[in-house]
């Protein structure tokens, strides 16, 4: 399958470049490029995949875009001034270009409801909150993911999306309000479930243990 072959090729390229840098003396500001980029990968990979889902990509597509992003980062001659911010912006640009490919649209539609990998440790509150998050308009869920999981400020989000900080904050508030209303419209088995679900979402830790 072309899609799986492309992902495997990207993984092999990452491994080859990392191995090559392990054996080299190439450094920037006294630190090997390999080290900064790999640390960034270990910190941001799972969060970027989640961000890709918020942008409408399937899980596999988000993985491909994430790998392509890091392949490009590892070929930069210098460490970016703000590596994490640069990484998120680069990922978003690639993800948006990826989404424009019409012939991948069917795959995205089929996987649109399979946002997060299922876990046996998930509580009903977590599942409900994530389901509501997935149903938000992309503009709102994108800001929520950037704010909660990537810990961006509204100023940083505004700069990334090309909107004012107030607009970013408004999308965040409206998105959380919609989630709360959706949860309140559902009948739950115990009191406080709605509050628990919103609190879990608002205090969400980085995904995947990143």
Protein backbone atom coordinates (compact mmCIF):
# COMPACT_ATOMS: atom_id res chain seq x y z
CA UNK A 1 0.00 0.00 0.00
CA UNK A 2 1.46 3.40 -1.00
CA UNK A 3 0.35 5.09 2.22
CA UNK A 4 2.03 2.51 4.48
CA UNK A 5 5.13 2.39 2.27
CA UNK A 6 5.47 6.18 2.51
CA UNK A 7 5.24 6.06 6.30
CA UNK A 8 7.85 3.30 6.47
CA UNK A 9 10.19 5.26 4.21
CA UNK A 10 9.84 8.34 6.41
CA UNK A 11 10.63 6.30 9.53
CA UNK A 12 13.68 4.77 7.86
CA UNK A 13 14.92 8.22 6.82
CA UNK A 14 14.55 9.51 10.40
CA UNK A 15 16.52 6.58 11.77
CA UNK A 16 19.25 6.90 9.15
CA UNK A 17 19.70 10.63 9.78
CA UNK A 18 19.75 10.17 13.56
CA UNK A 19 22.36 7.41 13.26
CA UNK A 20 24.45 9.56 10.96
CA UNK A 21 24.43 12.46 13.39
CA UNK A 22 25.33 10.17 16.28
CA UNK A 23 28.61 9.47 14.48
CA UNK A 24 29.28 13.07 13.43
CA UNK A 25 30.86 16.05 15.15
CA UNK A 26 28.43 18.55 13.62
CA UNK A 27 27.22 20.98 16.28
CA UNK A 28 25.38 24.27 16.73
CA UNK A 29 26.14 26.47 19.76
CA UNK A 30 28.04 23.58 21.29
CA UNK A 31 25.16 21.13 21.02
CA UNK A 32 24.73 18.44 18.38
CA UNK A 33 21.77 19.05 16.06
CA UNK A 34 20.80 15.46 16.57
CA UNK A 35 20.21 16.09 20.26
CA UNK A 36 17.94 19.13 19.98
CA UNK A 37 15.85 17.63 17.22
CA UNK A 38 15.44 14.25 18.85
CA UNK A 39 14.47 15.81 22.18
CA UNK A 40 11.91 17.91 20.34
CA UNK A 41 10.57 14.79 18.64
CA UNK A 42 10.23 12.93 21.96
CA UNK A 43 8.46 15.93 23.50
CA UNK A 44 6.13 16.96 20.68
CA UNK A 45 5.41 13.90 18.50
CA UNK A 46 2.26 12.71 20.27
CA UNK A 47 0.95 16.28 20.66
CA UNK A 48 1.49 16.98 16.95
CA UNK A 49 -0.48 13.88 15.99
CA UNK A 50 -3.35 15.10 18.15
CA UNK A 51 -3.06 18.53 16.53
CA UNK A 52 -3.22 16.87 13.13
CA UNK A 53 -6.47 15.18 14.17
CA UNK A 54 -7.83 18.58 15.19
CA UNK A 55 -6.97 19.85 11.72
CA UNK A 56 -8.97 17.04 10.12
CA UNK A 57 -6.27 14.50 9.27
CA UNK A 58 -6.59 10.80 9.93
CA UNK A 59 -4.21 9.29 12.48
CA UNK A 60 -2.01 7.86 9.74
CA UNK A 61 -1.94 11.14 7.82
CA UNK A 62 -0.99 13.04 10.98
CA UNK A 63 1.88 10.60 11.54
CA UNK A 64 3.10 11.10 7.98
CA UNK A 65 3.00 14.90 8.27
CA UNK A 66 4.75 14.76 11.63
CA UNK A 67 7.56 12.61 10.22
CA UNK A 68 7.94 14.87 7.18
CA UNK A 69 8.11 17.87 9.50
CA UNK A 70 10.98 16.39 11.48
CA UNK A 71 12.80 15.28 8.35
CA UNK A 72 12.76 18.92 7.27
CA UNK A 73 13.80 20.16 10.73
CA UNK A 74 16.78 17.83 10.84
CA UNK A 75 18.07 19.27 7.58
CA UNK A 76 18.08 22.85 8.86
CA UNK A 77 21.60 24.31 9.15
CA UNK A 78 20.78 26.03 12.45
CA UNK A 79 18.57 25.43 15.47
CA UNK A 80 15.45 27.68 15.21
CA UNK A 81 15.24 30.52 17.72
CA UNK A 82 12.07 29.02 19.25
CA UNK A 83 12.20 25.32 18.30
CA UNK A 84 8.80 24.25 19.67
CA UNK A 85 6.95 27.20 18.14
CA UNK A 86 8.75 26.73 14.83
CA UNK A 87 7.93 23.01 14.89
CA UNK A 88 4.20 23.57 15.47
CA UNK A 89 4.01 26.22 12.74
CA UNK A 90 5.90 24.01 10.29
CA UNK A 91 3.63 21.07 11.11
CA UNK A 92 0.50 23.16 10.62
CA UNK A 93 1.65 24.44 7.23
CA UNK A 94 2.36 20.92 6.04
CA UNK A 95 -0.89 19.59 7.48
CA UNK A 96 -2.96 22.26 5.75
CA UNK A 97 -1.26 21.50 2.43
CA UNK A 98 -1.88 17.82 3.01
CA UNK A 99 -5.58 18.42 3.62
CA UNK A 100 -5.93 20.14 0.27
CA UNK A 101 -5.33 16.88 -1.52
CA UNK A 102 -8.85 15.98 -2.70
CA UNK A 103 -8.15 12.37 -3.24
CA UNK A 104 -7.45 11.78 0.46
CA UNK A 105 -10.82 13.28 1.47
CA UNK A 106 -12.62 9.94 1.64
CA UNK A 107 -10.10 8.54 4.11
CA UNK A 108 -10.50 11.58 6.35
CA UNK A 109 -14.28 11.33 6.30
CA UNK A 110 -14.21 7.63 7.19
CA UNK A 111 -11.88 8.28 10.15
CA UNK A 112 -13.40 11.56 11.31
CA UNK A 113 -14.99 9.97 14.37
CA UNK A 114 -11.93 7.93 15.36
CA UNK A 115 -9.99 10.79 16.89
CA UNK A 116 -8.16 9.17 19.73
CA UNK A 117 -6.79 5.68 20.23
CA UNK A 118 -9.00 3.86 22.70
CA UNK A 119 -7.60 3.07 26.11
CA UNK A 120 -8.96 0.72 28.77
CA UNK A 121 -8.10 3.35 31.39
CA UNK A 122 -10.41 5.99 29.88
CA UNK A 123 -13.25 7.13 32.10
CA UNK A 124 -16.76 7.89 30.79
CA UNK A 125 -16.07 11.58 31.47
CA UNK A 126 -12.92 11.53 29.33
CA UNK A 127 -14.65 9.76 26.46
CA UNK A 128 -17.56 12.21 26.55
CA UNK A 129 -15.30 15.27 26.61
CA UNK A 130 -13.15 14.01 23.74
CA UNK A 131 -16.21 13.12 21.68
CA UNK A 132 -17.54 16.65 22.09
CA UNK A 133 -14.13 18.10 21.23
CA UNK A 134 -14.04 16.11 17.98
CA UNK A 135 -17.46 17.49 16.98
CA UNK A 136 -16.47 21.16 17.30
CA UNK A 137 -15.77 23.31 14.22
CA UNK A 138 -12.11 23.00 13.24
CA UNK A 139 -11.34 26.64 14.16
CA UNK A 140 -12.44 26.07 17.75
CA UNK A 141 -10.99 22.62 18.34
CA UNK A 142 -7.65 23.74 16.84
CA UNK A 143 -7.35 26.55 19.39
CA UNK A 144 -8.37 24.24 22.25
CA UNK A 145 -5.73 21.66 21.30
CA UNK A 146 -3.04 24.34 20.95
CA UNK A 147 -4.00 25.94 24.27
CA UNK A 148 -4.40 22.80 26.37
CA UNK A 149 -2.04 20.21 24.93
CA UNK A 150 0.63 22.47 23.43
CA UNK A 151 0.36 25.08 26.21
CA UNK A 152 0.46 28.00 23.76
CA UNK A 153 -0.59 31.49 24.84
CA UNK A 154 -3.40 33.23 22.97
CA UNK A 155 -0.80 35.59 21.53
CA UNK A 156 1.19 32.64 20.17
CA UNK A 157 -1.96 30.99 18.82
CA UNK A 158 -3.02 34.23 17.15
CA UNK A 159 0.37 34.56 15.48
CA UNK A 160 0.25 30.97 14.28
CA UNK A 161 -3.27 31.22 12.86
CA UNK A 162 -3.05 34.79 11.60
CA UNK A 163 -5.76 36.13 13.92
CA UNK A 164 -5.76 38.47 16.92
CA UNK A 165 -5.19 37.08 20.45
CA UNK A 166 -8.76 38.15 21.30
CA UNK A 167 -10.11 36.11 18.40
CA UNK A 168 -8.11 33.08 19.53
CA UNK A 169 -9.38 33.52 23.09
CA UNK A 170 -12.95 33.84 21.83
CA UNK A 171 -12.70 30.60 19.84
CA UNK A 172 -11.32 28.87 22.93
CA UNK A 173 -14.12 30.12 25.18
CA UNK A 174 -16.87 29.37 22.67
CA UNK A 175 -15.47 25.90 22.07
CA UNK A 176 -15.37 25.02 25.76
CA UNK A 177 -18.86 26.50 26.21
CA UNK A 178 -20.19 24.28 23.42
CA UNK A 179 -18.58 21.24 25.00
CA UNK A 180 -20.16 22.08 28.34
CA UNK A 181 -23.61 22.57 26.77
CA UNK A 182 -23.35 19.32 24.84
CA UNK A 183 -22.44 17.45 27.99
CA UNK A 184 -25.27 19.07 29.92
CA UNK A 185 -27.77 17.95 27.28
CA UNK A 186 -26.85 14.32 27.91
CA UNK A 187 -28.29 12.35 30.81
CA UNK A 188 -25.55 10.93 33.03
CA UNK A 189 -25.68 8.30 35.74
CA UNK A 190 -24.07 10.36 38.44
CA UNK A 191 -24.10 13.99 39.56
CA UNK A 192 -21.17 16.15 38.64
CA UNK A 193 -20.29 14.19 35.50
CA UNK A 194 -20.51 17.25 33.25
CA UNK A 195 -18.23 19.27 35.48
CA UNK A 196 -15.78 16.39 35.72
CA UNK A 197 -15.64 16.02 31.95
CA UNK A 198 -15.00 19.71 31.31
CA UNK A 199 -12.41 19.84 34.10
CA UNK A 200 -10.62 16.80 32.66
CA UNK A 201 -10.47 18.44 29.25
CA UNK A 202 -9.34 21.84 30.57
CA UNK A 203 -6.56 20.22 32.64
CA UNK A 204 -5.54 17.67 30.01
CA UNK A 205 -1.89 16.55 30.19
CA UNK A 206 0.28 15.98 27.12
CA UNK A 207 -0.93 12.90 25.21
CA UNK A 208 1.05 9.74 24.86
CA UNK A 209 3.14 10.45 27.90
CA UNK A 210 5.02 13.14 25.97
